[in-house]
Each structure stands twice: as C-alpha cells, then as structure tokens.
N, C-alpha and C. Protein backbone atom coordinates (compact mmCIF):
# COMPACT_ATOMS: atom_id res chain seq x y z
N UNK A 1 -12.23 -9.87 7.52
CA UNK A 1 -10.99 -10.11 8.20
C UNK A 1 -10.46 -8.84 8.86
N UNK A 2 -10.46 -7.72 8.14
CA UNK A 2 -9.93 -6.47 8.69
C UNK A 2 -10.83 -5.87 9.76
N UNK A 3 -12.09 -6.29 9.80
CA UNK A 3 -13.00 -5.76 10.83
C UNK A 3 -12.57 -6.19 12.23
N UNK A 4 -11.81 -7.27 12.33
CA UNK A 4 -11.37 -7.79 13.63
C UNK A 4 -10.22 -6.99 14.21
N UNK A 5 -9.60 -6.15 13.44
CA UNK A 5 -8.44 -5.40 13.92
C UNK A 5 -8.84 -4.40 14.99
N UNK A 6 -8.05 -4.37 16.05
CA UNK A 6 -8.29 -3.42 17.13
C UNK A 6 -7.65 -2.06 16.84
N UNK A 7 -6.55 -2.08 16.11
CA UNK A 7 -5.85 -0.84 15.79
C UNK A 7 -5.72 -0.72 14.28
N UNK A 8 -5.60 0.49 13.79
CA UNK A 8 -5.46 0.69 12.35
C UNK A 8 -4.13 0.13 11.82
N UNK A 9 -4.15 -0.33 10.59
CA UNK A 9 -2.93 -0.79 9.92
C UNK A 9 -2.11 0.40 9.46
N UNK A 10 -0.79 0.28 9.49
CA UNK A 10 0.03 1.32 8.88
C UNK A 10 0.73 0.80 7.63
N UNK A 11 0.64 -0.52 7.38
CA UNK A 11 1.23 -1.10 6.18
C UNK A 11 0.33 -2.20 5.65
N UNK A 12 0.11 -2.20 4.33
CA UNK A 12 -0.66 -3.24 3.67
C UNK A 12 0.08 -3.65 2.41
N UNK A 13 0.41 -4.93 2.30
CA UNK A 13 1.07 -5.48 1.11
C UNK A 13 0.25 -6.63 0.57
N UNK A 14 -0.05 -6.57 -0.71
CA UNK A 14 -0.75 -7.66 -1.39
C UNK A 14 0.09 -8.02 -2.61
N UNK A 15 0.51 -9.27 -2.66
CA UNK A 15 1.37 -9.75 -3.75
C UNK A 15 0.65 -10.84 -4.52
N UNK A 16 0.58 -10.69 -5.83
CA UNK A 16 0.00 -11.69 -6.73
C UNK A 16 -1.30 -12.25 -6.20
N UNK A 17 -2.26 -11.40 -6.07
CA UNK A 17 -3.54 -11.76 -5.45
C UNK A 17 -4.58 -12.19 -6.49
N UNK A 18 -4.30 -13.25 -7.20
CA UNK A 18 -5.23 -13.70 -8.23
C UNK A 18 -6.57 -14.16 -7.65
N UNK A 19 -6.59 -14.46 -6.36
CA UNK A 19 -7.82 -14.90 -5.72
C UNK A 19 -8.74 -13.74 -5.33
N UNK A 20 -8.19 -12.54 -5.24
CA UNK A 20 -9.01 -11.39 -4.86
C UNK A 20 -9.85 -10.93 -6.05
N UNK A 21 -11.12 -10.73 -5.79
CA UNK A 21 -12.01 -10.22 -6.83
C UNK A 21 -12.04 -8.69 -6.75
N UNK A 22 -12.64 -8.09 -7.74
CA UNK A 22 -12.80 -6.64 -7.72
C UNK A 22 -13.66 -6.21 -6.53
N UNK A 23 -14.65 -7.02 -6.20
CA UNK A 23 -15.49 -6.74 -5.04
C UNK A 23 -14.66 -6.79 -3.75
N UNK A 24 -13.77 -7.78 -3.65
CA UNK A 24 -12.89 -7.89 -2.48
C UNK A 24 -12.03 -6.63 -2.33
N UNK A 25 -11.43 -6.20 -3.44
CA UNK A 25 -10.58 -5.01 -3.39
C UNK A 25 -11.37 -3.76 -3.05
N UNK A 26 -12.57 -3.65 -3.59
CA UNK A 26 -13.41 -2.49 -3.29
C UNK A 26 -13.72 -2.44 -1.79
N UNK A 27 -14.11 -3.57 -1.22
CA UNK A 27 -14.39 -3.61 0.22
C UNK A 27 -13.13 -3.35 1.04
N UNK A 28 -12.01 -3.91 0.60
CA UNK A 28 -10.75 -3.71 1.29
C UNK A 28 -10.38 -2.23 1.33
N UNK A 29 -10.48 -1.56 0.19
CA UNK A 29 -10.09 -0.15 0.11
C UNK A 29 -11.01 0.75 0.93
N UNK A 30 -12.21 0.27 1.25
CA UNK A 30 -13.15 1.05 2.04
C UNK A 30 -13.05 0.77 3.54
N UNK A 31 -12.16 -0.13 3.92
CA UNK A 31 -12.02 -0.51 5.33
C UNK A 31 -11.51 0.66 6.17
N UNK A 32 -12.21 1.01 7.26
CA UNK A 32 -11.79 2.14 8.10
C UNK A 32 -10.43 1.92 8.78
N UNK A 33 -10.00 0.67 8.93
CA UNK A 33 -8.72 0.39 9.57
C UNK A 33 -7.52 0.68 8.66
N UNK A 34 -7.77 1.14 7.45
CA UNK A 34 -6.68 1.49 6.54
C UNK A 34 -6.46 2.99 6.45
N UNK A 35 -7.19 3.77 7.22
CA UNK A 35 -7.16 5.22 7.08
C UNK A 35 -5.88 5.90 7.57
N UNK A 36 -4.97 5.13 8.17
CA UNK A 36 -3.70 5.70 8.62
C UNK A 36 -2.51 5.01 7.97
N UNK A 37 -2.73 4.42 6.80
CA UNK A 37 -1.66 3.71 6.11
C UNK A 37 -0.47 4.61 5.83
N UNK A 38 0.71 4.07 6.07
CA UNK A 38 1.95 4.72 5.67
C UNK A 38 2.52 4.04 4.43
N UNK A 39 2.14 2.78 4.23
CA UNK A 39 2.71 2.00 3.14
C UNK A 39 1.63 1.14 2.50
N UNK A 40 1.49 1.26 1.18
CA UNK A 40 0.56 0.43 0.41
C UNK A 40 1.32 -0.18 -0.75
N UNK A 41 1.43 -1.51 -0.75
CA UNK A 41 2.09 -2.25 -1.82
C UNK A 41 1.07 -3.17 -2.47
N UNK A 42 0.83 -2.98 -3.74
CA UNK A 42 0.01 -3.91 -4.51
C UNK A 42 0.87 -4.37 -5.67
N UNK A 43 1.43 -5.56 -5.55
CA UNK A 43 2.26 -6.08 -6.63
C UNK A 43 1.56 -7.28 -7.25
N UNK A 44 1.26 -7.15 -8.53
CA UNK A 44 0.59 -8.24 -9.23
C UNK A 44 -0.89 -8.36 -8.91
N UNK A 45 -1.44 -7.38 -8.21
CA UNK A 45 -2.89 -7.36 -7.97
C UNK A 45 -3.55 -6.95 -9.28
N UNK A 46 -4.44 -7.75 -9.80
CA UNK A 46 -5.02 -7.48 -11.10
C UNK A 46 -6.04 -6.35 -11.03
N UNK A 47 -5.62 -5.17 -11.46
CA UNK A 47 -6.50 -4.01 -11.47
C UNK A 47 -6.94 -3.65 -12.89
N UNK A 48 -6.72 -4.55 -13.84
CA UNK A 48 -6.94 -4.27 -15.25
C UNK A 48 -8.32 -3.69 -15.54
N UNK A 49 -9.36 -4.33 -15.07
CA UNK A 49 -10.73 -3.85 -15.34
C UNK A 49 -11.36 -3.24 -14.10
N UNK A 50 -10.54 -2.84 -13.17
CA UNK A 50 -10.99 -2.34 -11.88
C UNK A 50 -11.30 -0.85 -11.97
N UNK A 51 -12.43 -0.44 -11.44
CA UNK A 51 -12.73 0.98 -11.37
C UNK A 51 -11.72 1.64 -10.43
N UNK A 52 -11.12 2.76 -10.83
CA UNK A 52 -10.12 3.41 -9.98
C UNK A 52 -10.73 4.15 -8.79
N UNK A 53 -12.03 4.28 -8.73
CA UNK A 53 -12.66 5.08 -7.69
C UNK A 53 -12.36 4.60 -6.26
N UNK A 54 -12.46 3.30 -5.94
CA UNK A 54 -12.13 2.88 -4.57
C UNK A 54 -10.67 3.17 -4.20
N UNK A 55 -9.74 2.96 -5.14
CA UNK A 55 -8.34 3.27 -4.87
C UNK A 55 -8.16 4.77 -4.69
N UNK A 56 -8.82 5.57 -5.52
CA UNK A 56 -8.74 7.02 -5.39
C UNK A 56 -9.26 7.47 -4.02
N UNK A 57 -10.37 6.89 -3.58
CA UNK A 57 -10.94 7.24 -2.28
C UNK A 57 -10.00 6.85 -1.13
N UNK A 58 -9.37 5.67 -1.24
CA UNK A 58 -8.41 5.27 -0.21
C UNK A 58 -7.22 6.22 -0.19
N UNK A 59 -6.68 6.55 -1.36
CA UNK A 59 -5.54 7.48 -1.40
C UNK A 59 -5.92 8.85 -0.85
N UNK A 60 -7.13 9.28 -1.11
CA UNK A 60 -7.61 10.55 -0.55
C UNK A 60 -7.59 10.50 0.98
N UNK A 61 -8.03 9.37 1.53
CA UNK A 61 -8.09 9.23 2.99
C UNK A 61 -6.71 9.15 3.63
N UNK A 62 -5.75 8.53 2.93
CA UNK A 62 -4.42 8.32 3.52
C UNK A 62 -3.38 9.33 3.03
N UNK A 63 -3.78 10.28 2.23
CA UNK A 63 -2.83 11.27 1.68
C UNK A 63 -1.96 11.92 2.76
N UNK A 64 -2.48 12.27 3.93
CA UNK A 64 -1.63 12.91 4.94
C UNK A 64 -0.56 12.00 5.55
N UNK A 65 -0.75 10.68 5.48
CA UNK A 65 0.19 9.76 6.15
C UNK A 65 0.99 8.88 5.20
N UNK A 66 0.58 8.74 3.97
CA UNK A 66 1.19 7.78 3.04
C UNK A 66 2.62 8.16 2.69
N UNK A 67 3.55 7.22 2.91
CA UNK A 67 4.97 7.44 2.62
C UNK A 67 5.48 6.54 1.50
N UNK A 68 4.80 5.44 1.27
CA UNK A 68 5.29 4.44 0.31
C UNK A 68 4.10 3.89 -0.47
N UNK A 69 4.07 4.16 -1.78
CA UNK A 69 2.99 3.68 -2.63
C UNK A 69 3.61 2.91 -3.79
N UNK A 70 3.30 1.62 -3.85
CA UNK A 70 3.83 0.76 -4.90
C UNK A 70 2.66 0.03 -5.57
N UNK A 71 2.44 0.38 -6.81
CA UNK A 71 1.36 -0.21 -7.60
C UNK A 71 1.97 -0.87 -8.84
N UNK A 72 2.88 -1.79 -8.62
CA UNK A 72 3.63 -2.41 -9.71
C UNK A 72 2.94 -3.66 -10.25
N UNK A 73 3.05 -3.85 -11.57
CA UNK A 73 2.57 -5.06 -12.23
C UNK A 73 1.09 -5.33 -11.93
N UNK A 74 0.30 -4.27 -11.96
CA UNK A 74 -1.13 -4.38 -11.64
C UNK A 74 -2.01 -4.34 -12.89
N UNK A 75 -1.40 -4.25 -14.06
CA UNK A 75 -2.18 -4.18 -15.29
C UNK A 75 -2.91 -2.86 -15.46
N UNK A 76 -2.46 -1.84 -14.76
CA UNK A 76 -3.12 -0.53 -14.83
C UNK A 76 -2.89 0.12 -16.19
N UNK A 77 -3.87 0.90 -16.62
CA UNK A 77 -3.80 1.62 -17.89
C UNK A 77 -3.96 3.12 -17.63
N UNK A 78 -3.76 3.90 -18.68
CA UNK A 78 -3.76 5.36 -18.57
C UNK A 78 -4.97 5.92 -17.82
N UNK A 79 -6.17 5.49 -18.19
CA UNK A 79 -7.38 6.08 -17.60
C UNK A 79 -7.45 5.83 -16.09
N UNK A 80 -6.95 4.70 -15.63
CA UNK A 80 -6.98 4.41 -14.19
C UNK A 80 -6.02 5.33 -13.44
N UNK A 81 -4.85 5.55 -14.00
CA UNK A 81 -3.87 6.42 -13.35
C UNK A 81 -4.35 7.86 -13.37
N UNK A 82 -4.92 8.28 -14.47
CA UNK A 82 -5.39 9.66 -14.57
C UNK A 82 -6.46 9.96 -13.52
N UNK A 83 -7.22 8.95 -13.12
CA UNK A 83 -8.25 9.15 -12.09
C UNK A 83 -7.65 9.41 -10.71
N UNK A 84 -6.43 8.93 -10.46
CA UNK A 84 -5.82 9.15 -9.14
C UNK A 84 -4.81 10.29 -9.13
N UNK A 85 -4.54 10.90 -10.29
CA UNK A 85 -3.54 11.98 -10.35
C UNK A 85 -3.79 13.13 -9.38
N UNK A 86 -5.00 13.68 -9.30
CA UNK A 86 -5.21 14.82 -8.40
C UNK A 86 -4.90 14.50 -6.94
N UNK A 87 -5.29 13.32 -6.47
CA UNK A 87 -5.03 12.97 -5.07
C UNK A 87 -3.56 12.63 -4.86
N UNK A 88 -2.92 12.09 -5.87
CA UNK A 88 -1.51 11.74 -5.76
C UNK A 88 -0.66 12.97 -5.42
N UNK A 89 -1.01 14.09 -6.00
CA UNK A 89 -0.24 15.32 -5.75
C UNK A 89 -0.43 15.86 -4.34
N UNK A 90 -1.36 15.29 -3.57
CA UNK A 90 -1.57 15.71 -2.18
C UNK A 90 -0.92 14.76 -1.16
N UNK A 91 -0.20 13.77 -1.65
CA UNK A 91 0.49 12.81 -0.76
C UNK A 91 1.88 13.37 -0.43
N UNK A 92 1.93 14.42 0.37
CA UNK A 92 3.17 15.16 0.62
C UNK A 92 4.21 14.41 1.43
N UNK A 93 3.85 13.32 2.09
CA UNK A 93 4.82 12.52 2.85
C UNK A 93 5.45 11.42 2.00
N UNK A 94 5.01 11.29 0.76
CA UNK A 94 5.43 10.18 -0.10
C UNK A 94 6.93 10.21 -0.35
N UNK A 95 7.60 9.10 -0.02
CA UNK A 95 9.04 8.95 -0.25
C UNK A 95 9.32 8.01 -1.41
N UNK A 96 8.54 6.93 -1.49
CA UNK A 96 8.71 5.93 -2.55
C UNK A 96 7.42 5.84 -3.35
N UNK A 97 7.55 5.96 -4.68
CA UNK A 97 6.39 5.85 -5.56
C UNK A 97 6.80 5.01 -6.76
N UNK A 98 6.20 3.83 -6.89
CA UNK A 98 6.54 2.96 -8.01
C UNK A 98 5.27 2.45 -8.69
N UNK A 99 5.25 2.58 -9.99
CA UNK A 99 4.14 2.10 -10.81
C UNK A 99 4.69 1.35 -12.03
N UNK A 100 5.82 0.67 -11.84
CA UNK A 100 6.46 -0.03 -12.95
C UNK A 100 5.63 -1.23 -13.39
N UNK A 101 5.96 -1.73 -14.57
CA UNK A 101 5.32 -2.93 -15.14
C UNK A 101 3.82 -2.74 -15.38
N UNK A 102 3.40 -1.53 -15.64
CA UNK A 102 2.02 -1.26 -16.03
C UNK A 102 2.02 -0.80 -17.49
N UNK A 103 0.87 -0.43 -18.00
CA UNK A 103 0.72 -0.15 -19.43
C UNK A 103 0.36 1.32 -19.64
N UNK A 104 1.36 2.20 -19.56
CA UNK A 104 1.11 3.64 -19.67
C UNK A 104 1.74 4.20 -20.93
N UNK A 105 1.05 5.18 -21.49
CA UNK A 105 1.59 5.91 -22.63
C UNK A 105 2.59 6.96 -22.13
N UNK A 106 3.32 7.52 -23.06
CA UNK A 106 4.26 8.59 -22.72
C UNK A 106 3.52 9.77 -22.09
N UNK A 107 2.35 10.10 -22.62
CA UNK A 107 1.57 11.22 -22.08
C UNK A 107 1.24 11.00 -20.61
N UNK A 108 0.90 9.78 -20.24
CA UNK A 108 0.56 9.49 -18.84
C UNK A 108 1.79 9.53 -17.95
N UNK A 109 2.93 9.03 -18.43
CA UNK A 109 4.16 9.12 -17.64
C UNK A 109 4.51 10.59 -17.39
N UNK A 110 4.36 11.42 -18.41
CA UNK A 110 4.61 12.87 -18.23
C UNK A 110 3.64 13.48 -17.22
N UNK A 111 2.38 13.10 -17.29
CA UNK A 111 1.40 13.62 -16.32
C UNK A 111 1.77 13.21 -14.90
N UNK A 112 2.23 11.97 -14.75
CA UNK A 112 2.67 11.51 -13.42
C UNK A 112 3.83 12.36 -12.92
N UNK A 113 4.79 12.64 -13.78
CA UNK A 113 5.93 13.47 -13.38
C UNK A 113 5.47 14.85 -12.94
N UNK A 114 4.55 15.42 -13.68
CA UNK A 114 4.06 16.77 -13.34
C UNK A 114 3.28 16.76 -12.02
N UNK A 115 2.47 15.72 -11.80
CA UNK A 115 1.67 15.67 -10.57
C UNK A 115 2.48 15.31 -9.33
N UNK A 116 3.64 14.71 -9.52
CA UNK A 116 4.49 14.38 -8.38
C UNK A 116 5.61 15.41 -8.18
N UNK A 117 5.66 16.41 -9.02
CA UNK A 117 6.74 17.41 -8.96
C UNK A 117 6.79 18.15 -7.63
N UNK A 118 5.67 18.38 -7.01
CA UNK A 118 5.64 19.12 -5.75
C UNK A 118 5.88 18.27 -4.51
N UNK A 119 6.10 16.98 -4.71
CA UNK A 119 6.31 16.07 -3.58
C UNK A 119 7.79 16.04 -3.23
N UNK A 120 8.19 16.91 -2.34
CA UNK A 120 9.61 17.13 -2.02
C UNK A 120 10.27 15.99 -1.26
N UNK A 121 9.49 15.08 -0.70
CA UNK A 121 10.07 13.96 0.06
C UNK A 121 10.41 12.76 -0.82
N UNK A 122 10.02 12.79 -2.09
CA UNK A 122 10.24 11.64 -2.97
C UNK A 122 11.72 11.31 -3.10
N UNK A 123 12.04 10.04 -2.87
CA UNK A 123 13.41 9.55 -3.00
C UNK A 123 13.53 8.48 -4.08
N UNK A 124 12.47 7.71 -4.27
CA UNK A 124 12.47 6.63 -5.25
C UNK A 124 11.25 6.75 -6.14
N UNK A 125 11.49 6.78 -7.46
CA UNK A 125 10.40 6.85 -8.42
C UNK A 125 10.68 5.85 -9.54
N UNK A 126 9.79 4.88 -9.70
CA UNK A 126 9.89 3.90 -10.78
C UNK A 126 8.63 4.00 -11.63
N UNK A 127 8.84 4.20 -12.93
CA UNK A 127 7.74 4.31 -13.88
C UNK A 127 7.94 3.26 -14.97
N UNK A 128 6.87 2.88 -15.66
CA UNK A 128 7.06 1.93 -16.76
C UNK A 128 7.67 2.62 -17.97
N UNK A 129 8.45 1.87 -18.74
CA UNK A 129 8.86 2.37 -20.05
C UNK A 129 7.56 2.55 -20.83
N UNK A 130 7.33 3.73 -21.42
CA UNK A 130 6.06 3.97 -22.12
C UNK A 130 5.79 2.97 -23.25
N UNK A 131 4.53 2.70 -23.48
CA UNK A 131 4.11 1.75 -24.50
C UNK A 131 4.68 2.06 -25.88
N UNK A 132 4.88 3.34 -26.18
CA UNK A 132 5.40 3.74 -27.48
C UNK A 132 6.80 3.19 -27.75
N UNK A 133 7.49 2.70 -26.73
CA UNK A 133 8.86 2.19 -26.88
C UNK A 133 8.91 0.71 -27.25
N UNK A 134 7.79 0.03 -27.27
CA UNK A 134 7.79 -1.41 -27.52
C UNK A 134 7.53 -1.71 -28.99
N UNK A 135 8.40 -2.56 -29.58
CA UNK A 135 8.17 -3.07 -30.94
C UNK A 135 7.15 -4.20 -30.88
N UNK A 136 7.37 -5.09 -29.92
CA UNK A 136 6.44 -6.19 -29.65
C UNK A 136 6.19 -6.17 -28.16
N UNK A 137 5.44 -7.13 -27.67
CA UNK A 137 5.10 -7.14 -26.25
C UNK A 137 6.33 -7.19 -25.35
N UNK A 138 7.42 -7.82 -25.83
CA UNK A 138 8.61 -7.95 -25.00
C UNK A 138 9.88 -7.38 -25.63
N UNK A 139 9.74 -6.64 -26.72
CA UNK A 139 10.91 -6.08 -27.38
C UNK A 139 10.86 -4.56 -27.35
N UNK A 140 11.89 -3.97 -26.74
CA UNK A 140 11.97 -2.51 -26.63
C UNK A 140 12.81 -1.96 -27.76
N UNK A 141 12.36 -0.88 -28.36
CA UNK A 141 13.10 -0.15 -29.39
C UNK A 141 14.05 0.81 -28.67
N UNK A 142 15.34 0.49 -28.66
CA UNK A 142 16.32 1.27 -27.91
C UNK A 142 16.42 2.72 -28.41
N UNK A 143 16.26 2.94 -29.70
CA UNK A 143 16.29 4.31 -30.22
C UNK A 143 15.11 5.11 -29.68
N UNK A 144 13.97 4.48 -29.64
CA UNK A 144 12.77 5.16 -29.11
C UNK A 144 12.95 5.44 -27.61
N UNK A 145 13.54 4.50 -26.88
CA UNK A 145 13.80 4.72 -25.45
C UNK A 145 14.72 5.93 -25.27
N UNK A 146 15.75 6.04 -26.10
CA UNK A 146 16.67 7.17 -26.00
C UNK A 146 15.93 8.49 -26.23
N UNK A 147 15.03 8.51 -27.21
CA UNK A 147 14.25 9.73 -27.47
C UNK A 147 13.33 10.06 -26.30
N UNK A 148 12.68 9.05 -25.76
CA UNK A 148 11.77 9.24 -24.62
C UNK A 148 12.54 9.74 -23.40
N UNK A 149 13.71 9.16 -23.16
CA UNK A 149 14.54 9.60 -22.03
C UNK A 149 14.92 11.07 -22.18
N UNK A 150 15.29 11.47 -23.40
CA UNK A 150 15.63 12.88 -23.64
C UNK A 150 14.42 13.77 -23.42
N UNK A 151 13.27 13.33 -23.89
CA UNK A 151 12.04 14.11 -23.71
C UNK A 151 11.68 14.25 -22.23
N UNK A 152 11.81 13.15 -21.48
CA UNK A 152 11.50 13.20 -20.05
C UNK A 152 12.53 14.02 -19.28
N UNK A 153 13.78 14.00 -19.70
CA UNK A 153 14.79 14.87 -19.09
C UNK A 153 14.39 16.33 -19.30
N UNK A 154 13.89 16.65 -20.48
CA UNK A 154 13.39 18.00 -20.74
C UNK A 154 12.22 18.36 -19.85
N UNK A 155 11.33 17.40 -19.62
CA UNK A 155 10.20 17.63 -18.72
C UNK A 155 10.69 17.91 -17.30
N UNK A 156 11.65 17.11 -16.83
CA UNK A 156 12.21 17.32 -15.49
C UNK A 156 12.89 18.69 -15.40
N UNK A 157 13.61 19.06 -16.44
CA UNK A 157 14.28 20.37 -16.47
C UNK A 157 13.23 21.49 -16.40
N UNK A 158 12.16 21.33 -17.17
CA UNK A 158 11.08 22.32 -17.19
C UNK A 158 10.44 22.47 -15.80
N UNK A 159 10.34 21.36 -15.08
CA UNK A 159 9.75 21.39 -13.74
C UNK A 159 10.69 22.05 -12.74
N UNK A 160 11.98 22.13 -13.08
CA UNK A 160 12.92 22.95 -12.34
C UNK A 160 13.43 22.43 -11.01
N UNK A 161 13.34 21.14 -10.78
CA UNK A 161 13.90 20.62 -9.54
C UNK A 161 14.78 19.42 -9.86
N UNK A 162 15.92 19.30 -9.16
CA UNK A 162 16.77 18.12 -9.37
C UNK A 162 15.99 16.86 -9.03
N UNK A 163 16.10 15.87 -9.90
CA UNK A 163 15.28 14.68 -9.72
C UNK A 163 15.82 13.55 -10.59
N UNK A 164 15.80 12.35 -10.07
CA UNK A 164 16.16 11.16 -10.85
C UNK A 164 15.00 10.18 -10.77
N UNK A 165 14.59 9.70 -11.93
CA UNK A 165 13.55 8.68 -11.99
C UNK A 165 14.11 7.48 -12.74
N UNK A 166 13.44 6.36 -12.64
CA UNK A 166 13.82 5.18 -13.39
C UNK A 166 12.63 4.69 -14.20
N UNK A 167 12.91 4.31 -15.44
CA UNK A 167 11.92 3.67 -16.30
C UNK A 167 12.24 2.18 -16.32
N UNK A 168 11.23 1.35 -16.11
CA UNK A 168 11.43 -0.10 -16.02
C UNK A 168 10.60 -0.78 -17.10
N UNK A 169 11.21 -1.75 -17.81
CA UNK A 169 10.47 -2.49 -18.83
C UNK A 169 9.46 -3.41 -18.17
N UNK A 170 8.51 -3.88 -18.97
CA UNK A 170 7.46 -4.74 -18.44
C UNK A 170 7.67 -6.21 -18.81
N UNK A 171 8.91 -6.59 -18.99
CA UNK A 171 9.21 -8.00 -19.28
C UNK A 171 8.91 -8.85 -18.06
N UNK A 172 8.54 -10.07 -18.30
CA UNK A 172 8.31 -10.98 -17.18
C UNK A 172 9.56 -11.80 -16.88
N UNK A 173 10.39 -12.04 -17.88
CA UNK A 173 11.58 -12.86 -17.66
C UNK A 173 12.75 -12.06 -17.10
N UNK A 174 12.86 -10.80 -17.49
CA UNK A 174 13.93 -9.95 -16.97
C UNK A 174 13.51 -8.49 -17.10
N UNK A 175 14.16 -7.63 -16.33
CA UNK A 175 13.85 -6.21 -16.36
C UNK A 175 15.02 -5.45 -16.94
N UNK A 176 14.71 -4.34 -17.56
CA UNK A 176 15.72 -3.37 -17.94
C UNK A 176 15.32 -2.07 -17.27
N UNK A 177 16.30 -1.37 -16.72
CA UNK A 177 16.04 -0.13 -16.01
C UNK A 177 16.83 0.98 -16.69
N UNK A 178 16.16 2.11 -16.96
CA UNK A 178 16.78 3.26 -17.59
C UNK A 178 16.64 4.46 -16.66
N UNK A 179 17.75 5.09 -16.34
CA UNK A 179 17.72 6.29 -15.51
C UNK A 179 17.40 7.51 -16.36
N UNK A 180 16.64 8.42 -15.79
CA UNK A 180 16.37 9.73 -16.39
C UNK A 180 16.62 10.73 -15.28
N UNK A 181 17.51 11.69 -15.52
CA UNK A 181 17.89 12.60 -14.43
C UNK A 181 18.00 14.03 -14.90
N UNK A 182 17.70 14.93 -13.99
CA UNK A 182 17.98 16.35 -14.14
C UNK A 182 18.54 16.81 -12.81
N UNK A 183 19.74 17.36 -12.83
CA UNK A 183 20.33 17.80 -11.56
C UNK A 183 20.79 19.23 -11.64
C-alpha cells in the first residue's frame, strides 16, 4: 500500500491494529516513504512479542525530523524500550513523547527520563506508572506511587532542568494521571 505513495508521509497513525501482524509492522517500518516522518502514533498496536529492531531502525532514520512519538498501550516491556533508548536521545526535534499504558519497571522509566533529558523541545511527556506500584493488575498502591513520584522528582532534580512529566495508570476502564515536576 505505501509503495504507491508519490511523496513521503510526514504523519503515520495506527490505532488498535489487531489485524496487523509482526511481519506487516516490520515491512511498514522499513518503508522508504516513512523516512521523513514528523509524527508517529501507535496506539494499541500489539508490540508485545515484537522485535524492537525494526522500530529502532525507523526511529534512527527519522530522528532528525520526528516531533511527535506516541507508543501508548502497545504492550511494550522494558527490554523493547531499552533497545530504542540510544536513538531516542537523538530525536532533538521531539516535542511530544508518550509511552503510557505499557509495562515498564521503575528502572526503565528512570532510563527514559535520563535519555530524554537532552531533548530541549519536549513539551509533553507521558510515562506509565511503574509496575512496582500495582497491587493487582488494576489496583495501584497510592503509598508506593507517592514514593515513586518523590524518587522521580529527585531524578529530575539531578538532571538539572525544569521539567514536568505525567505518570499514567494502565487501567482500561479509567485512567489516573500523576504529575511529577522539578522547576
């Protein structure tokens, strides 16, 4: 389908793509018409067992132009995000970065904060509430969230730049959003 395009895409949004296979996504991410993307939204695209390499390669190619990266509710885990961390820090035009509703540990959320610290254009950052904060799949331990927020505020302070991020729960029926700020 993308081979028919005469001009490169600058925006690609895929929402709840249960019909897309891993092979489809791999071919999509390798499409030459995506090399000038400014906006990539994958919401509900099942990346659970997906090798992060094609996504990493696409991000590498679009790092100079990418302004909006949203990888929400994709079932991503720590190892997948860690594979894209080095290229993420080279996306200097990035204004919006959201990876909410995924399954990340506190260590991975901290790594994301550190790798995005040099991205001066960032205006919106949404991260998942770390897995360590959940009592059950849908129950958040508020005391643990308070501790994590304090720890992340310390991380932001250590990085030395004013910044506000949001942590979002992974509930399907409703969301809770927690601000973490250093100014």
